[in-house]
């Protein structure tokens, strides 16, 4: 066989392999299955999420009560200042002004404490939320992955009404919501049907 025929044969083999690869890849892609679920509905129905929400609400209530107590203290000091100001006269001007200055300094300190307490409360709530919700989210994602693997799904799309969700509609695919709920121990009566 001469070199020209050998090169033609090589090109023919390469072209054939390329076609096989393209058609084989299309065949594989055509066989990939797609699933979908409404994550909001399922996640909010998880008992662990409900427990975390209850804990967060209780902590928030306690933090708000502490902040309200500080606000009341500030209001009391302010009212004392207003009352003291009403007693101001030429005879007691120096004494009352000094007392008002002390009350004003106390008010400023209380306001700074309130601002710091408010900031700390927000940070504490964010940290507690991350602490309580992260394991629930991990369990949720791992359950979705397990169901997807069991059903041989290549992709699972979220159909939740979320502005960051790019999925608008679906015509085909496997709805894995009930399988995920079953695996999480969520009864179907506890969740509403997803909307398209």
Protein backbone atom coordinates (compact mmCIF):
# COMPACT_ATOMS: atom_id res chain seq x y z
CA UNK A 1 0.00 0.00 0.00
CA UNK A 2 1.43 3.34 -0.94
CA UNK A 3 1.57 6.42 1.28
CA UNK A 4 -1.32 8.17 -0.47
CA UNK A 5 -3.69 5.24 0.06
CA UNK A 6 -2.52 4.91 3.67
CA UNK A 7 -3.30 8.58 4.36
CA UNK A 8 -6.74 8.22 2.78
CA UNK A 9 -7.40 5.18 4.92
CA UNK A 10 -6.29 7.06 8.06
CA UNK A 11 -8.57 10.00 7.18
CA UNK A 12 -11.45 7.64 6.55
CA UNK A 13 -10.91 5.90 9.90
CA UNK A 14 -10.66 9.25 11.72
CA UNK A 15 -13.84 10.50 10.01
CA UNK A 16 -15.66 7.28 10.90
CA UNK A 17 -14.53 7.47 14.52
CA UNK A 18 -15.58 11.12 14.70
CA UNK A 19 -19.05 10.25 13.39
CA UNK A 20 -19.32 7.39 15.84
CA UNK A 21 -18.29 9.65 18.70
CA UNK A 22 -20.82 12.36 17.74
CA UNK A 23 -23.69 9.91 17.25
CA UNK A 24 -22.71 7.98 20.36
CA UNK A 25 -22.64 11.17 22.41
CA UNK A 26 -26.06 12.18 21.08
CA UNK A 27 -27.37 8.76 21.98
CA UNK A 28 -26.01 9.04 25.52
CA UNK A 29 -27.42 12.54 25.92
CA UNK A 30 -30.80 11.41 24.61
CA UNK A 31 -30.88 8.68 27.24
CA UNK A 32 -30.21 11.02 30.17
CA UNK A 33 -33.26 11.38 32.35
CA UNK A 34 -34.36 14.60 33.93
CA UNK A 35 -36.27 15.04 37.19
CA UNK A 36 -37.90 17.96 38.93
CA UNK A 37 -39.35 18.94 42.29
CA UNK A 38 -40.58 21.99 44.21
CA UNK A 39 -37.89 22.47 46.85
CA UNK A 40 -39.79 25.14 48.81
CA UNK A 41 -42.77 22.91 49.43
CA UNK A 42 -40.72 19.92 50.49
CA UNK A 43 -38.08 21.80 52.52
CA UNK A 44 -40.68 23.74 54.50
CA UNK A 45 -42.54 20.49 55.28
CA UNK A 46 -39.48 18.76 56.76
CA UNK A 47 -39.95 18.15 60.51
CA UNK A 48 -36.35 19.25 61.13
CA UNK A 49 -37.03 22.56 59.38
CA UNK A 50 -40.17 23.13 61.42
CA UNK A 51 -38.23 22.40 64.63
CA UNK A 52 -35.47 24.81 63.58
CA UNK A 53 -38.04 27.49 62.76
CA UNK A 54 -39.69 27.06 66.17
CA UNK A 55 -36.31 27.39 67.90
CA UNK A 56 -35.42 30.47 65.86
CA UNK A 57 -38.76 32.10 66.65
CA UNK A 58 -38.25 31.48 70.39
CA UNK A 59 -34.73 32.92 70.28
CA UNK A 60 -35.97 35.92 68.29
CA UNK A 61 -38.74 36.51 70.83
CA UNK A 62 -36.20 36.49 73.68
CA UNK A 63 -33.87 38.88 71.83
CA UNK A 64 -36.75 41.24 71.04
CA UNK A 65 -37.83 41.24 74.71
CA UNK A 66 -34.29 42.21 75.75
CA UNK A 67 -34.23 45.03 73.21
CA UNK A 68 -37.67 46.24 74.31
CA UNK A 69 -36.45 46.32 77.92
CA UNK A 70 -33.54 48.53 76.87
CA UNK A 71 -35.89 50.81 74.90
CA UNK A 72 -38.10 51.15 77.98
CA UNK A 73 -35.04 52.08 80.05
CA UNK A 74 -34.13 54.76 77.50
CA UNK A 75 -37.68 56.10 77.51
CA UNK A 76 -37.67 56.26 81.32
CA UNK A 77 -34.38 58.23 81.33
CA UNK A 78 -35.75 60.55 78.66
CA UNK A 79 -38.93 61.16 80.68
CA UNK A 80 -36.75 61.91 83.73
CA UNK A 81 -34.87 64.48 81.67
CA UNK A 82 -38.10 66.10 80.46
CA UNK A 83 -39.41 66.24 84.04
CA UNK A 84 -36.11 67.64 85.33
CA UNK A 85 -36.10 70.26 82.56
CA UNK A 86 -39.53 71.48 83.73
CA UNK A 87 -38.03 72.28 87.15
CA UNK A 88 -35.40 74.57 85.61
CA UNK A 89 -35.44 78.07 87.03
CA UNK A 90 -32.92 80.85 87.59
CA UNK A 91 -32.48 79.78 91.21
CA UNK A 92 -31.52 76.16 90.44
CA UNK A 93 -30.15 76.64 86.90
CA UNK A 94 -26.62 75.35 87.60
CA UNK A 95 -27.73 72.29 89.55
CA UNK A 96 -30.47 71.31 87.07
CA UNK A 97 -28.23 71.80 84.03
CA UNK A 98 -25.60 69.53 85.59
CA UNK A 99 -28.25 66.93 86.34
CA UNK A 100 -29.59 67.23 82.78
CA UNK A 101 -26.08 66.79 81.42
CA UNK A 102 -25.67 63.61 83.50
CA UNK A 103 -29.03 62.31 82.21
CA UNK A 104 -28.05 63.19 78.65
CA UNK A 105 -24.76 61.29 79.01
CA UNK A 106 -26.66 58.31 80.43
CA UNK A 107 -29.10 58.47 77.51
CA UNK A 108 -26.25 58.52 74.99
CA UNK A 109 -24.65 55.50 76.67
CA UNK A 110 -27.97 53.65 76.72
CA UNK A 111 -28.51 54.39 73.02
CA UNK A 112 -25.02 53.07 72.20
CA UNK A 113 -25.73 49.94 74.24
CA UNK A 114 -29.06 49.50 72.42
CA UNK A 115 -27.40 49.84 69.01
CA UNK A 116 -24.69 47.35 70.00
CA UNK A 117 -27.30 44.96 71.44
CA UNK A 118 -29.38 45.22 68.26
CA UNK A 119 -26.32 44.48 66.09
CA UNK A 120 -25.33 41.55 68.33
CA UNK A 121 -28.89 40.18 68.23
CA UNK A 122 -28.83 40.23 64.43
CA UNK A 123 -25.45 38.49 64.33
CA UNK A 124 -26.56 35.90 66.89
CA UNK A 125 -29.75 35.18 64.95
CA UNK A 126 -27.86 34.79 61.67
CA UNK A 127 -25.34 32.44 63.30
CA UNK A 128 -28.08 30.39 64.98
CA UNK A 129 -30.04 30.18 61.73
CA UNK A 130 -26.95 28.93 59.90
CA UNK A 131 -26.30 26.42 62.69
CA UNK A 132 -29.86 25.05 62.71
CA UNK A 133 -30.70 25.19 58.99
CA UNK A 134 -27.40 23.98 57.49
CA UNK A 135 -27.79 20.34 58.60
CA UNK A 136 -31.40 20.31 57.41
CA UNK A 137 -30.36 21.68 54.02
CA UNK A 138 -27.55 19.10 53.79
CA UNK A 139 -29.98 16.27 54.57
CA UNK A 140 -32.41 17.65 51.97
CA UNK A 141 -29.75 17.88 49.23
CA UNK A 142 -28.34 14.43 50.05
CA UNK A 143 -31.85 12.94 49.88
CA UNK A 144 -32.43 14.53 46.47
CA UNK A 145 -29.10 13.14 45.26
CA UNK A 146 -29.98 9.67 46.58
CA UNK A 147 -33.40 9.68 44.87
CA UNK A 148 -31.87 10.98 41.64
CA UNK A 149 -29.30 8.19 41.73
CA UNK A 150 -31.97 5.56 42.46
CA UNK A 151 -34.05 6.77 39.52
CA UNK A 152 -31.05 7.15 37.19
CA UNK A 153 -31.54 10.89 36.73
CA UNK A 154 -28.75 13.00 35.27
CA UNK A 155 -30.35 16.33 36.27
CA UNK A 156 -32.90 17.47 38.81
CA UNK A 157 -34.49 20.88 38.35
CA UNK A 158 -36.16 22.96 41.02
CA UNK A 159 -39.63 24.18 40.05
CA UNK A 160 -40.04 26.42 43.12
CA UNK A 161 -41.24 29.96 42.52
CA UNK A 162 -37.85 31.57 43.10
CA UNK A 163 -36.55 34.63 41.19
CA UNK A 164 -33.15 32.91 40.88
CA UNK A 165 -34.70 29.80 39.33
CA UNK A 166 -34.29 29.71 35.55
CA UNK A 167 -36.69 26.82 35.00
CA UNK A 168 -39.99 28.21 33.75
CA UNK A 169 -41.82 25.16 32.46
CA UNK A 170 -41.31 21.46 31.89
CA UNK A 171 -43.03 18.94 29.68
CA UNK A 172 -41.11 15.81 30.47
CA UNK A 173 -39.00 14.43 33.21
CA UNK A 174 -39.62 12.53 36.39
CA UNK A 175 -41.30 14.32 39.28
CA UNK A 176 -39.29 13.05 42.23
CA UNK A 177 -41.08 15.14 44.86
CA UNK A 178 -43.04 12.23 46.32
CA UNK A 179 -39.96 9.98 46.44
CA UNK A 180 -37.96 12.69 48.23
CA UNK A 181 -40.85 13.27 50.66
CA UNK A 182 -41.08 9.54 51.35
CA UNK A 183 -37.35 9.29 52.00
CA UNK A 184 -37.56 12.31 54.36
CA UNK A 185 -40.61 10.87 56.13
CA UNK A 186 -42.94 13.69 55.06
CA UNK A 187 -46.60 12.80 54.62
CA UNK A 188 -48.22 14.07 51.44
CA UNK A 189 -51.07 15.65 53.41
CA UNK A 190 -48.55 18.02 55.04
CA UNK A 191 -47.59 19.62 51.70
CA UNK A 192 -49.49 21.27 48.91
CA UNK A 193 -49.20 20.22 45.28
CA UNK A 194 -46.59 22.19 43.29
CA UNK A 195 -47.86 24.73 40.77
CA UNK A 196 -46.66 24.98 37.21
